[in-house]
């Protein structure tokens, strides 16, 4: 069961970061797309292997919302620009949210380890 989850994380990472690499390659020019796509897929596989599911999902949500917003505001010609910017913002926010959740979990674990106070 753990192996299935790890394979899912790696596949998700490769798909999400490969898409982001493709968007970056499109922005830089069509000739650099294969390089950006390859780097994105490799980086996504590593992130998935390390268990960055929350981070990858935040990038995925940012990509979709950024592309949708660009489509509504600038038309279908600029969807890829909005999707790329949304992916960057999603990644940034994902890291920040993940750090806050880790701090909260650490505080909760420390409070549980200290035990209930028995002051009378």
PDB file of N, CA and C in Angstrom:
ATOM      1  N   UNK A   1       0.822  -1.198   0.000  1.00  0.00           N
ATOM      2  CA  UNK A   1       0.000   0.000   0.000  1.00  0.00           C
ATOM      3  C   UNK A   1       0.865   1.260   0.000  1.00  0.00           C
ATOM      4  N   UNK A   2       1.953   1.238   0.756  1.00  0.00           N
ATOM      5  CA  UNK A   2       2.852   2.384   0.810  1.00  0.00           C
ATOM      6  C   UNK A   2       3.500   2.603  -0.560  1.00  0.00           C
ATOM      7  N   UNK A   3       3.846   1.509  -1.228  1.00  0.00           N
ATOM      8  CA  UNK A   3       4.478   1.615  -2.547  1.00  0.00           C
ATOM      9  C   UNK A   3       3.519   2.250  -3.555  1.00  0.00           C
ATOM     10  N   UNK A   4       2.220   1.911  -3.474  1.00  0.00           N
ATOM     11  CA  UNK A   4       1.225   2.505  -4.365  1.00  0.00           C
ATOM     12  C   UNK A   4       1.136   4.011  -4.163  1.00  0.00           C
ATOM     13  N   UNK A   5       1.157   4.448  -2.920  1.00  0.00           N
ATOM     14  CA  UNK A   5       1.108   5.877  -2.602  1.00  0.00           C
ATOM     15  C   UNK A   5       2.346   6.603  -3.106  1.00  0.00           C
ATOM     16  N   UNK A   6       3.507   5.956  -2.982  1.00  0.00           N
ATOM     17  CA  UNK A   6       4.763   6.555  -3.454  1.00  0.00           C
ATOM     18  C   UNK A   6       4.751   6.685  -4.971  1.00  0.00           C
ATOM     19  N   UNK A   7       4.246   5.667  -5.664  1.00  0.00           N
ATOM     20  CA  UNK A   7       4.161   5.716  -7.129  1.00  0.00           C
ATOM     21  C   UNK A   7       3.185   6.807  -7.559  1.00  0.00           C
ATOM     22  N   UNK A   8       2.082   6.943  -6.833  1.00  0.00           N
ATOM     23  CA  UNK A   8       1.109   7.997  -7.130  1.00  0.00           C
ATOM     24  C   UNK A   8       1.741   9.377  -6.939  1.00  0.00           C
ATOM     25  N   UNK A   9       2.497   9.557  -5.864  1.00  0.00           N
ATOM     26  CA  UNK A   9       3.169  10.838  -5.603  1.00  0.00           C
ATOM     27  C   UNK A   9       4.187  11.166  -6.697  1.00  0.00           C
ATOM     28  N   UNK A  10       4.960  10.175  -7.098  1.00  0.00           N
ATOM     29  CA  UNK A  10       5.963  10.399  -8.140  1.00  0.00           C
ATOM     30  C   UNK A  10       5.289  10.732  -9.468  1.00  0.00           C
ATOM     31  N   UNK A  11       4.226  10.014  -9.809  1.00  0.00           N
ATOM     32  CA  UNK A  11       3.500  10.279 -11.053  1.00  0.00           C
ATOM     33  C   UNK A  11       2.867  11.657 -11.035  1.00  0.00           C
ATOM     34  N   UNK A  12       2.245  12.022  -9.913  1.00  0.00           N
ATOM     35  CA  UNK A  12       1.655  13.346  -9.771  1.00  0.00           C
ATOM     36  C   UNK A  12       2.728  14.421  -9.919  1.00  0.00           C
ATOM     37  N   UNK A  13       3.867  14.219  -9.284  1.00  0.00           N
ATOM     38  CA  UNK A  13       4.964  15.176  -9.372  1.00  0.00           C
ATOM     39  C   UNK A  13       5.470  15.340 -10.788  1.00  0.00           C
ATOM     40  N   UNK A  14       5.620  14.247 -11.488  1.00  0.00           N
ATOM     41  CA  UNK A  14       6.110  14.314 -12.865  1.00  0.00           C
ATOM     42  C   UNK A  14       5.102  15.017 -13.771  1.00  0.00           C
ATOM     43  N   UNK A  15       3.819  14.755 -13.554  1.00  0.00           N
ATOM     44  CA  UNK A  15       2.787  15.385 -14.385  1.00  0.00           C
ATOM     45  C   UNK A  15       2.696  16.889 -14.109  1.00  0.00           C
ATOM     46  N   UNK A  16       2.652  17.251 -12.839  1.00  0.00           N
ATOM     47  CA  UNK A  16       2.496  18.665 -12.478  1.00  0.00           C
ATOM     48  C   UNK A  16       3.731  19.465 -12.864  1.00  0.00           C
ATOM     49  N   UNK A  17       4.886  19.010 -12.461  1.00  0.00           N
ATOM     50  CA  UNK A  17       6.108  19.767 -12.751  1.00  0.00           C
ATOM     51  C   UNK A  17       6.481  19.699 -14.233  1.00  0.00           C
ATOM     52  N   UNK A  18       6.110  18.621 -14.908  1.00  0.00           N
ATOM     53  CA  UNK A  18       6.298  18.564 -16.349  1.00  0.00           C
ATOM     54  C   UNK A  18       5.451  19.601 -17.059  1.00  0.00           C
ATOM     55  N   UNK A  19       4.219  19.785 -16.574  1.00  0.00           N
ATOM     56  CA  UNK A  19       3.347  20.821 -17.132  1.00  0.00           C
ATOM     57  C   UNK A  19       3.935  22.206 -16.884  1.00  0.00           C
ATOM     58  N   UNK A  20       4.418  22.430 -15.694  1.00  0.00           N
ATOM     59  CA  UNK A  20       5.037  23.721 -15.383  1.00  0.00           C
ATOM     60  C   UNK A  20       6.274  23.932 -16.251  1.00  0.00           C
ATOM     61  N   UNK A  21       7.081  22.889 -16.443  1.00  0.00           N
ATOM     62  CA  UNK A  21       8.240  22.987 -17.319  1.00  0.00           C
ATOM     63  C   UNK A  21       7.844  23.308 -18.753  1.00  0.00           C
ATOM     64  N   UNK A  22       6.751  22.711 -19.196  1.00  0.00           N
ATOM     65  CA  UNK A  22       6.264  22.996 -20.538  1.00  0.00           C
ATOM     66  C   UNK A  22       5.828  24.454 -20.659  1.00  0.00           C
ATOM     67  N   UNK A  23       5.156  24.975 -19.638  1.00  0.00           N
ATOM     68  CA  UNK A  23       4.729  26.374 -19.651  1.00  0.00           C
ATOM     69  C   UNK A  23       5.934  27.315 -19.637  1.00  0.00           C
ATOM     70  N   UNK A  24       6.944  26.985 -18.858  1.00  0.00           N
ATOM     71  CA  UNK A  24       8.156  27.802 -18.820  1.00  0.00           C
ATOM     72  C   UNK A  24       8.867  27.742 -20.171  1.00  0.00           C
ATOM     73  N   UNK A  25       8.944  26.555 -20.755  1.00  0.00           N
ATOM     74  CA  UNK A  25       9.558  26.409 -22.068  1.00  0.00           C
ATOM     75  C   UNK A  25       8.819  27.197 -23.136  1.00  0.00           C
ATOM     76  N   UNK A  26       7.503  27.241 -23.042  1.00  0.00           N
ATOM     77  CA  UNK A  26       6.704  28.030 -23.985  1.00  0.00           C
ATOM     78  C   UNK A  26       7.020  29.516 -23.835  1.00  0.00           C
ATOM     79  N   UNK A  27       7.174  29.957 -22.604  1.00  0.00           N
ATOM     80  CA  UNK A  27       7.486  31.363 -22.350  1.00  0.00           C
ATOM     81  C   UNK A  27       8.883  31.717 -22.869  1.00  0.00           C
ATOM     82  N   UNK A  28       9.836  30.813 -22.686  1.00  0.00           N
ATOM     83  CA  UNK A  28      11.215  31.072 -23.091  1.00  0.00           C
ATOM     84  C   UNK A  28      11.422  30.913 -24.595  1.00  0.00           C
ATOM     85  N   UNK A  29      10.518  30.274 -25.250  1.00  0.00           N
ATOM     86  CA  UNK A  29      10.654  30.017 -26.682  1.00  0.00           C
ATOM     87  C   UNK A  29      10.574  28.530 -26.941  1.00  0.00           C
ATOM     88  N   UNK A  30       9.988  28.175 -28.059  1.00  0.00           N
ATOM     89  CA  UNK A  30       9.728  26.774 -28.366  1.00  0.00           C
ATOM     90  C   UNK A  30      10.961  25.891 -28.372  1.00  0.00           C
ATOM     91  N   UNK A  31      12.144  26.435 -28.717  1.00  0.00           N
ATOM     92  CA  UNK A  31      13.356  25.634 -28.778  1.00  0.00           C
ATOM     93  C   UNK A  31      13.824  25.136 -27.429  1.00  0.00           C
ATOM     94  N   UNK A  32      13.494  25.838 -26.369  1.00  0.00           N
ATOM     95  CA  UNK A  32      13.914  25.441 -25.023  1.00  0.00           C
ATOM     96  C   UNK A  32      12.877  24.568 -24.319  1.00  0.00           C
ATOM     97  N   UNK A  33      11.731  24.347 -24.964  1.00  0.00           N
ATOM     98  CA  UNK A  33      10.689  23.566 -24.305  1.00  0.00           C
ATOM     99  C   UNK A  33      11.139  22.152 -23.943  1.00  0.00           C
ATOM    100  N   UNK A  34      11.834  21.403 -24.817  1.00  0.00           N
ATOM    101  CA  UNK A  34      12.241  20.047 -24.407  1.00  0.00           C
ATOM    102  C   UNK A  34      13.134  20.041 -23.165  1.00  0.00           C
ATOM    103  N   UNK A  35      14.032  20.998 -23.065  1.00  0.00           N
ATOM    104  CA  UNK A  35      14.908  21.074 -21.896  1.00  0.00           C
ATOM    105  C   UNK A  35      14.112  21.404 -20.635  1.00  0.00           C
ATOM    106  N   UNK A  36      13.245  22.406 -20.718  1.00  0.00           N
ATOM    107  CA  UNK A  36      12.433  22.797 -19.567  1.00  0.00           C
ATOM    108  C   UNK A  36      11.487  21.670 -19.160  1.00  0.00           C
ATOM    109  N   UNK A  37      10.929  20.976 -20.124  1.00  0.00           N
ATOM    110  CA  UNK A  37      10.031  19.856 -19.844  1.00  0.00           C
ATOM    111  C   UNK A  37      10.778  18.720 -19.152  1.00  0.00           C
ATOM    112  N   UNK A  38      11.973  18.409 -19.634  1.00  0.00           N
ATOM    113  CA  UNK A  38      12.776  17.341 -19.029  1.00  0.00           C
ATOM    114  C   UNK A  38      13.154  17.685 -17.594  1.00  0.00           C
ATOM    115  N   UNK A  39      13.592  18.911 -17.380  1.00  0.00           N
ATOM    116  CA  UNK A  39      13.951  19.337 -16.019  1.00  0.00           C
ATOM    117  C   UNK A  39      12.727  19.288 -15.109  1.00  0.00           C
ATOM    118  N   UNK A  40      11.579  19.735 -15.617  1.00  0.00           N
ATOM    119  CA  UNK A  40      10.349  19.699 -14.833  1.00  0.00           C
ATOM    120  C   UNK A  40       9.943  18.292 -14.448  1.00  0.00           C
ATOM    121  N   UNK A  41      10.016  17.359 -15.387  1.00  0.00           N
ATOM    122  CA  UNK A  41       9.646  15.968 -15.108  1.00  0.00           C
ATOM    123  C   UNK A  41      10.594  15.356 -14.075  1.00  0.00           C
ATOM    124  N   UNK A  42      11.893  15.593 -14.234  1.00  0.00           N
ATOM    125  CA  UNK A  42      12.860  15.052 -13.274  1.00  0.00           C
ATOM    126  C   UNK A  42      12.669  15.650 -11.884  1.00  0.00           C
ATOM    127  N   UNK A  43      12.496  16.958 -11.838  1.00  0.00           N
ATOM    128  CA  UNK A  43      12.280  17.628 -10.559  1.00  0.00           C
ATOM    129  C   UNK A  43      10.988  17.154  -9.898  1.00  0.00           C
ATOM    130  N   UNK A  44       9.952  16.984 -10.698  1.00  0.00           N
ATOM    131  CA  UNK A  44       8.676  16.490 -10.172  1.00  0.00           C
ATOM    132  C   UNK A  44       8.777  15.087  -9.617  1.00  0.00           C
ATOM    133  N   UNK A  45       9.562  14.236 -10.282  1.00  0.00           N
ATOM    134  CA  UNK A  45       9.765  12.883  -9.763  1.00  0.00           C
ATOM    135  C   UNK A  45      10.458  12.893  -8.412  1.00  0.00           C
ATOM    136  N   UNK A  46      11.446  13.770  -8.264  1.00  0.00           N
ATOM    137  CA  UNK A  46      12.160  13.880  -6.977  1.00  0.00           C
ATOM    138  C   UNK A  46      11.227  14.422  -5.896  1.00  0.00           C
ATOM    139  N   UNK A  47      10.459  15.459  -6.231  1.00  0.00           N
ATOM    140  CA  UNK A  47       9.527  16.030  -5.245  1.00  0.00           C
ATOM    141  C   UNK A  47       8.488  14.995  -4.837  1.00  0.00           C
ATOM    142  N   UNK A  48       7.969  14.243  -5.811  1.00  0.00           N
ATOM    143  CA  UNK A  48       7.014  13.187  -5.498  1.00  0.00           C
ATOM    144  C   UNK A  48       7.634  12.102  -4.642  1.00  0.00           C
ATOM    145  N   UNK A  49       8.873  11.721  -4.945  1.00  0.00           N
ATOM    146  CA  UNK A  49       9.563  10.694  -4.166  1.00  0.00           C
ATOM    147  C   UNK A  49       9.759  11.138  -2.719  1.00  0.00           C
ATOM    148  N   UNK A  50      10.014  12.438  -2.532  1.00  0.00           N
ATOM    149  CA  UNK A  50      10.223  12.958  -1.178  1.00  0.00           C
ATOM    150  C   UNK A  50       8.913  13.202  -0.430  1.00  0.00           C
ATOM    151  N   UNK A  51       7.776  13.022  -1.102  1.00  0.00           N
ATOM    152  CA  UNK A  51       6.483  13.134  -0.428  1.00  0.00           C
ATOM    153  C   UNK A  51       5.900  14.530  -0.408  1.00  0.00           C
ATOM    154  N   UNK A  52       6.091  15.299  -1.451  1.00  0.00           N
ATOM    155  CA  UNK A  52       5.591  16.673  -1.497  1.00  0.00           C
ATOM    156  C   UNK A  52       4.204  16.793  -2.098  1.00  0.00           C
ATOM    157  N   UNK A  53       3.284  15.945  -1.669  1.00  0.00           N
ATOM    158  CA  UNK A  53       1.939  15.928  -2.264  1.00  0.00           C
ATOM    159  C   UNK A  53       1.202  17.255  -2.070  1.00  0.00           C
ATOM    160  N   UNK A  54       1.260  17.829  -0.864  1.00  0.00           N
ATOM    161  CA  UNK A  54       0.577  19.121  -0.631  1.00  0.00           C
ATOM    162  C   UNK A  54       1.139  20.212  -1.528  1.00  0.00           C
ATOM    163  N   UNK A  55       2.455  20.228  -1.680  1.00  0.00           N
ATOM    164  CA  UNK A  55       3.115  21.202  -2.533  1.00  0.00           C
ATOM    165  C   UNK A  55       2.671  21.039  -3.981  1.00  0.00           C
ATOM    166  N   UNK A  56       2.632  19.819  -4.461  1.00  0.00           N
ATOM    167  CA  UNK A  56       2.240  19.563  -5.845  1.00  0.00           C
ATOM    168  C   UNK A  56       0.781  19.920  -6.099  1.00  0.00           C
ATOM    169  N   UNK A  57      -0.075  19.629  -5.133  1.00  0.00           N
ATOM    170  CA  UNK A  57      -1.487  19.970  -5.295  1.00  0.00           C
ATOM    171  C   UNK A  57      -1.676  21.481  -5.316  1.00  0.00           C
ATOM    172  N   UNK A  58      -0.904  22.201  -4.504  1.00  0.00           N
ATOM    173  CA  UNK A  58      -1.016  23.662  -4.521  1.00  0.00           C
ATOM    174  C   UNK A  58      -0.560  24.228  -5.867  1.00  0.00           C
ATOM    175  N   UNK A  59       0.448  23.633  -6.471  1.00  0.00           N
ATOM    176  CA  UNK A  59       0.885  24.068  -7.798  1.00  0.00           C
ATOM    177  C   UNK A  59      -0.188  23.756  -8.829  1.00  0.00           C
ATOM    178  N   UNK A  60      -0.781  22.590  -8.735  1.00  0.00           N
ATOM    179  CA  UNK A  60      -1.840  22.196  -9.670  1.00  0.00           C
ATOM    180  C   UNK A  60      -3.034  23.143  -9.586  1.00  0.00           C
ATOM    181  N   UNK A  61      -3.458  23.455  -8.378  1.00  0.00           N
ATOM    182  CA  UNK A  61      -4.576  24.385  -8.195  1.00  0.00           C
ATOM    183  C   UNK A  61      -4.210  25.772  -8.719  1.00  0.00           C
ATOM    184  N   UNK A  62      -2.995  26.234  -8.431  1.00  0.00           N
ATOM    185  CA  UNK A  62      -2.546  27.530  -8.932  1.00  0.00           C
ATOM    186  C   UNK A  62      -2.504  27.583 -10.449  1.00  0.00           C
ATOM    187  N   UNK A  63      -2.083  26.495 -11.077  1.00  0.00           N
ATOM    188  CA  UNK A  63      -2.034  26.438 -12.536  1.00  0.00           C
ATOM    189  C   UNK A  63      -3.425  26.567 -13.136  1.00  0.00           C
ATOM    190  N   UNK A  64      -4.352  25.811 -12.598  1.00  0.00           N
ATOM    191  CA  UNK A  64      -5.722  25.837 -13.129  1.00  0.00           C
ATOM    192  C   UNK A  64      -6.378  27.198 -12.895  1.00  0.00           C
ATOM    193  N   UNK A  65      -6.260  27.720 -11.683  1.00  0.00           N
ATOM    194  CA  UNK A  65      -6.878  29.013 -11.387  1.00  0.00           C
ATOM    195  C   UNK A  65      -6.219  30.154 -12.159  1.00  0.00           C
ATOM    196  N   UNK A  66      -4.887  30.125 -12.295  1.00  0.00           N
ATOM    197  CA  UNK A  66      -4.184  31.155 -13.070  1.00  0.00           C
ATOM    198  C   UNK A  66      -4.573  31.118 -14.538  1.00  0.00           C
ATOM    199  N   UNK A  67      -4.668  29.928 -15.104  1.00  0.00           N
ATOM    200  CA  UNK A  67      -5.092  29.792 -16.497  1.00  0.00           C
ATOM    201  C   UNK A  67      -6.517  30.248 -16.706  1.00  0.00           C
ATOM    202  N   UNK A  68      -7.395  29.918 -15.776  1.00  0.00           N
ATOM    203  CA  UNK A  68      -8.801  30.333 -15.870  1.00  0.00           C
ATOM    204  C   UNK A  68      -8.928  31.849 -15.765  1.00  0.00           C
ATOM    205  N   UNK A  69      -8.202  32.442 -14.836  1.00  0.00           N
ATOM    206  CA  UNK A  69      -8.247  33.896 -14.673  1.00  0.00           C
ATOM    207  C   UNK A  69      -7.694  34.616 -15.910  1.00  0.00           C
ATOM    208  N   UNK A  70      -6.595  34.101 -16.456  1.00  0.00           N
ATOM    209  CA  UNK A  70      -6.034  34.703 -17.666  1.00  0.00           C
ATOM    210  C   UNK A  70      -7.000  34.563 -18.843  1.00  0.00           C
ATOM    211  N   UNK A  71      -7.660  33.435 -18.936  1.00  0.00           N
ATOM    212  CA  UNK A  71      -8.631  33.219 -20.015  1.00  0.00           C
ATOM    213  C   UNK A  71      -9.783  34.200 -19.906  1.00  0.00           C
ATOM    214  N   UNK A  72     -10.274  34.413 -18.685  1.00  0.00           N
ATOM    215  CA  UNK A  72     -11.393  35.339 -18.484  1.00  0.00           C
ATOM    216  C   UNK A  72     -10.992  36.788 -18.728  1.00  0.00           C
ATOM    217  N   UNK A  73      -9.746  37.137 -18.379  1.00  0.00           N
ATOM    218  CA  UNK A  73      -9.326  38.534 -18.474  1.00  0.00           C
ATOM    219  C   UNK A  73      -8.656  38.892 -19.805  1.00  0.00           C
ATOM    220  N   UNK A  74      -7.887  37.978 -20.378  1.00  0.00           N
ATOM    221  CA  UNK A  74      -7.096  38.320 -21.560  1.00  0.00           C
ATOM    222  C   UNK A  74      -7.415  37.477 -22.790  1.00  0.00           C
ATOM    223  N   UNK A  75      -8.239  36.484 -22.639  1.00  0.00           N
ATOM    224  CA  UNK A  75      -8.583  35.642 -23.773  1.00  0.00           C
ATOM    225  C   UNK A  75      -7.748  34.376 -23.820  1.00  0.00           C
ATOM    226  N   UNK A  76      -8.092  33.535 -24.773  1.00  0.00           N
ATOM    227  CA  UNK A  76      -7.468  32.215 -24.842  1.00  0.00           C
ATOM    228  C   UNK A  76      -6.003  32.255 -25.285  1.00  0.00           C
ATOM    229  N   UNK A  77      -5.552  33.352 -25.864  1.00  0.00           N
ATOM    230  CA  UNK A  77      -4.160  33.443 -26.298  1.00  0.00           C
ATOM    231  C   UNK A  77      -3.181  33.515 -25.134  1.00  0.00           C
ATOM    232  N   UNK A  78      -3.622  33.905 -23.985  1.00  0.00           N
ATOM    233  CA  UNK A  78      -2.720  34.105 -22.837  1.00  0.00           C
ATOM    234  C   UNK A  78      -2.982  33.139 -21.681  1.00  0.00           C
ATOM    235  N   UNK A  79      -3.683  32.054 -21.941  1.00  0.00           N
ATOM    236  CA  UNK A  79      -3.942  31.079 -20.881  1.00  0.00           C
ATOM    237  C   UNK A  79      -2.631  30.539 -20.323  1.00  0.00           C
ATOM    238  N   UNK A  80      -1.663  30.238 -21.170  1.00  0.00           N
ATOM    239  CA  UNK A  80      -0.422  29.638 -20.703  1.00  0.00           C
ATOM    240  C   UNK A  80       0.391  30.588 -19.831  1.00  0.00           C
ATOM    241  N   UNK A  81       0.287  31.894 -20.075  1.00  0.00           N
ATOM    242  CA  UNK A  81       0.988  32.858 -19.227  1.00  0.00           C
ATOM    243  C   UNK A  81       0.359  32.861 -17.827  1.00  0.00           C
ATOM    244  N   UNK A  82      -0.964  32.923 -17.777  1.00  0.00           N
ATOM    245  CA  UNK A  82      -1.658  32.903 -16.492  1.00  0.00           C
ATOM    246  C   UNK A  82      -1.449  31.596 -15.751  1.00  0.00           C
ATOM    247  N   UNK A  83      -1.417  30.485 -16.494  1.00  0.00           N
ATOM    248  CA  UNK A  83      -1.198  29.190 -15.858  1.00  0.00           C
ATOM    249  C   UNK A  83       0.210  29.108 -15.261  1.00  0.00           C
ATOM    250  N   UNK A  84       1.189  29.629 -15.971  1.00  0.00           N
ATOM    251  CA  UNK A  84       2.555  29.633 -15.445  1.00  0.00           C
ATOM    252  C   UNK A  84       2.692  30.508 -14.210  1.00  0.00           C
ATOM    253  N   UNK A  85       2.096  31.688 -14.264  1.00  0.00           N
ATOM    254  CA  UNK A  85       2.137  32.582 -13.099  1.00  0.00           C
ATOM    255  C   UNK A  85       1.359  31.984 -11.930  1.00  0.00           C
ATOM    256  N   UNK A  86       0.229  31.350 -12.230  1.00  0.00           N
ATOM    257  CA  UNK A  86      -0.554  30.700 -11.180  1.00  0.00           C
ATOM    258  C   UNK A  86       0.199  29.549 -10.541  1.00  0.00           C
ATOM    259  N   UNK A  87       0.955  28.802 -11.346  1.00  0.00           N
ATOM    260  CA  UNK A  87       1.759  27.706 -10.804  1.00  0.00           C
ATOM    261  C   UNK A  87       2.825  28.237  -9.852  1.00  0.00           C
ATOM    262  N   UNK A  88       3.454  29.342 -10.237  1.00  0.00           N
ATOM    263  CA  UNK A  88       4.469  29.940  -9.364  1.00  0.00           C
ATOM    264  C   UNK A  88       3.853  30.406  -8.048  1.00  0.00           C
ATOM    265  N   UNK A  89       2.719  31.076  -8.135  1.00  0.00           N
ATOM    266  CA  UNK A  89       2.047  31.546  -6.914  1.00  0.00           C
ATOM    267  C   UNK A  89       1.548  30.368  -6.079  1.00  0.00           C
ATOM    268  N   UNK A  90       1.018  29.351  -6.743  1.00  0.00           N
ATOM    269  CA  UNK A  90       0.561  28.167  -6.023  1.00  0.00           C
ATOM    270  C   UNK A  90       1.695  27.481  -5.292  1.00  0.00           C
ATOM    271  N   UNK A  91       2.859  27.399  -5.925  1.00  0.00           N
ATOM    272  CA  UNK A  91       4.018  26.802  -5.270  1.00  0.00           C
ATOM    273  C   UNK A  91       4.477  27.612  -4.074  1.00  0.00           C
ATOM    274  N   UNK A  92       4.521  28.926  -4.238  1.00  0.00           N
ATOM    275  CA  UNK A  92       4.915  29.801  -3.132  1.00  0.00           C
ATOM    276  C   UNK A  92       3.950  29.659  -1.957  1.00  0.00           C
ATOM    277  N   UNK A  93       2.668  29.747  -2.248  1.00  0.00           N
ATOM    278  CA  UNK A  93       1.675  29.630  -1.174  1.00  0.00           C
ATOM    279  C   UNK A  93       1.670  28.229  -0.572  1.00  0.00           C
ATOM    280  N   UNK A  94       1.898  27.227  -1.396  1.00  0.00           N
ATOM    281  CA  UNK A  94       1.951  25.858  -0.888  1.00  0.00           C
ATOM    282  C   UNK A  94       3.069  25.656   0.111  1.00  0.00           C
ATOM    283  N   UNK A  95       4.232  26.225  -0.170  1.00  0.00           N
ATOM    284  CA  UNK A  95       5.361  26.123   0.756  1.00  0.00           C
ATOM    285  C   UNK A  95       5.031  26.833   2.069  1.00  0.00           C
ATOM    286  N   UNK A  96       4.464  28.026   1.973  1.00  0.00           N
ATOM    287  CA  UNK A  96       4.135  28.786   3.184  1.00  0.00           C
ATOM    288  C   UNK A  96       3.083  28.061   4.030  1.00  0.00           C
ATOM    289  N   UNK A  97       2.048  27.560   3.382  1.00  0.00           N
ATOM    290  CA  UNK A  97       0.994  26.843   4.107  1.00  0.00           C
ATOM    291  C   UNK A  97       1.547  25.573   4.736  1.00  0.00           C
ATOM    292  N   UNK A  98       2.392  24.860   4.004  1.00  0.00           N
ATOM    293  CA  UNK A  98       2.991  23.638   4.530  1.00  0.00           C
ATOM    294  C   UNK A  98       3.845  23.926   5.765  1.00  0.00           C
ATOM    295  N   UNK A  99       4.610  25.012   5.710  1.00  0.00           N
ATOM    296  CA  UNK A  99       5.425  25.388   6.875  1.00  0.00           C
ATOM    297  C   UNK A  99       4.546  25.728   8.070  1.00  0.00           C
ATOM    298  N   UNK A 100       3.464  26.455   7.831  1.00  0.00           N
ATOM    299  CA  UNK A 100       2.560  26.796   8.939  1.00  0.00           C
ATOM    300  C   UNK A 100       1.899  25.549   9.532  1.00  0.00           C
ATOM    301  N   UNK A 101       1.505  24.611   8.682  1.00  0.00           N
ATOM    302  CA  UNK A 101       0.905  23.371   9.184  1.00  0.00           C
ATOM    303  C   UNK A 101       1.921  22.549   9.982  1.00  0.00           C
ATOM    304  N   UNK A 102       3.179  22.543   9.541  1.00  0.00           N
ATOM    305  CA  UNK A 102       4.216  21.817  10.281  1.00  0.00           C
ATOM    306  C   UNK A 102       4.472  22.456  11.646  1.00  0.00           C
ATOM    307  N   UNK A 103       4.489  23.780  11.710  1.00  0.00           N
ATOM    308  CA  UNK A 103       4.677  24.480  12.982  1.00  0.00           C
ATOM    309  C   UNK A 103       3.516  24.173  13.923  1.00  0.00           C
ATOM    310  N   UNK A 104       2.306  24.195  13.375  1.00  0.00           N
ATOM    311  CA  UNK A 104       1.116  23.903  14.189  1.00  0.00           C
ATOM    312  C   UNK A 104       1.160  22.477  14.729  1.00  0.00           C
ATOM    313  N   UNK A 105       1.568  21.521  13.880  1.00  0.00           N
ATOM    314  CA  UNK A 105       1.657  20.126  14.323  1.00  0.00           C
ATOM    315  C   UNK A 105       2.734  19.964  15.395  1.00  0.00           C
ATOM    316  N   UNK A 106       3.853  20.671  15.251  1.00  0.00           N
ATOM    317  CA  UNK A 106       4.922  20.587  16.244  1.00  0.00           C
ATOM    318  C   UNK A 106       4.463  21.152  17.588  1.00  0.00           C
ATOM    319  N   UNK A 107       3.735  22.270  17.549  1.00  0.00           N
ATOM    320  CA  UNK A 107       3.220  22.848  18.796  1.00  0.00           C
ATOM    321  C   UNK A 107       2.220  21.922  19.468  1.00  0.00           C
ATOM    322  N   UNK A 108       1.375  21.306  18.663  1.00  0.00           N
ATOM    323  CA  UNK A 108       0.374  20.389  19.210  1.00  0.00           C
ATOM    324  C   UNK A 108       1.050  19.169  19.825  1.00  0.00           C
ATOM    325  N   UNK A 109       2.071  18.637  19.155  1.00  0.00           N
ATOM    326  CA  UNK A 109       2.796  17.484  19.689  1.00  0.00           C
ATOM    327  C   UNK A 109       3.528  17.843  20.976  1.00  0.00           C
ATOM    328  N   UNK A 110       4.092  19.044  21.042  1.00  0.00           N
ATOM    329  CA  UNK A 110       4.794  19.471  22.254  1.00  0.00           C
ATOM    330  C   UNK A 110       3.809  19.645  23.413  1.00  0.00           C
ATOM    331  N   UNK A 111       2.629  20.169  23.107  1.00  0.00           N
ATOM    332  CA  UNK A 111       1.631  20.338  24.156  1.00  0.00           C
ATOM    333  C   UNK A 111       1.119  19.005  24.667  1.00  0.00           C
ATOM    334  N   UNK A 112       0.951  18.038  23.780  1.00  0.00           N
ATOM    335  CA  UNK A 112       0.487  16.712  24.197  1.00  0.00           C
ATOM    336  C   UNK A 112       1.557  15.976  24.997  1.00  0.00           C
ATOM    337  N   UNK A 113       2.825  16.193  24.623  1.00  0.00           N
ATOM    338  CA  UNK A 113       3.912  15.539  25.327  1.00  0.00           C
ATOM    339  C   UNK A 113       4.079  16.106  26.739  1.00  0.00           C
ATOM    340  N   UNK A 114       3.819  17.395  26.901  1.00  0.00           N
ATOM    341  CA  UNK A 114       3.932  18.015  28.208  1.00  0.00           C
ATOM    342  C   UNK A 114       2.843  17.511  29.156  1.00  0.00           C
ATOM    343  N   UNK A 115       1.739  17.072  28.590  1.00  0.00           N
ATOM    344  CA  UNK A 115       0.660  16.528  29.396  1.00  0.00           C
ATOM    345  C   UNK A 115      -0.237  17.629  29.938  1.00  0.00           C
ATOM    346  N   UNK A 116      -1.372  17.232  30.488  1.00  0.00           N
ATOM    347  CA  UNK A 116      -2.289  18.230  31.038  1.00  0.00           C
ATOM    348  C   UNK A 116      -1.717  18.848  32.325  1.00  0.00           C
ATOM    349  N   UNK A 117      -1.997  20.106  32.505  1.00  0.00           N
ATOM    350  CA  UNK A 117      -1.505  20.767  33.712  1.00  0.00           C
ATOM    351  C   UNK A 117      -2.378  20.352  34.889  1.00  0.00           C
ATOM    352  N   UNK A 118      -1.725  20.099  36.043  1.00  0.00           N
ATOM    353  CA  UNK A 118      -2.444  19.640  37.232  1.00  0.00           C
ATOM    354  C   UNK A 118      -2.442  20.689  38.314  1.00  0.00           C
ATOM    355  N   UNK A 119      -2.482  21.953  37.914  1.00  0.00           N
ATOM    356  CA  UNK A 119      -2.485  23.013  38.921  1.00  0.00           C
ATOM    357  C   UNK A 119      -3.846  23.095  39.586  1.00  0.00           C
ATOM    358  N   UNK A 120      -3.840  23.291  40.904  1.00  0.00           N
ATOM    359  CA  UNK A 120      -5.105  23.350  41.658  1.00  0.00           C
ATOM    360  C   UNK A 120      -5.384  24.755  42.101  1.00  0.00           C
TER     361      UNK A 120
END
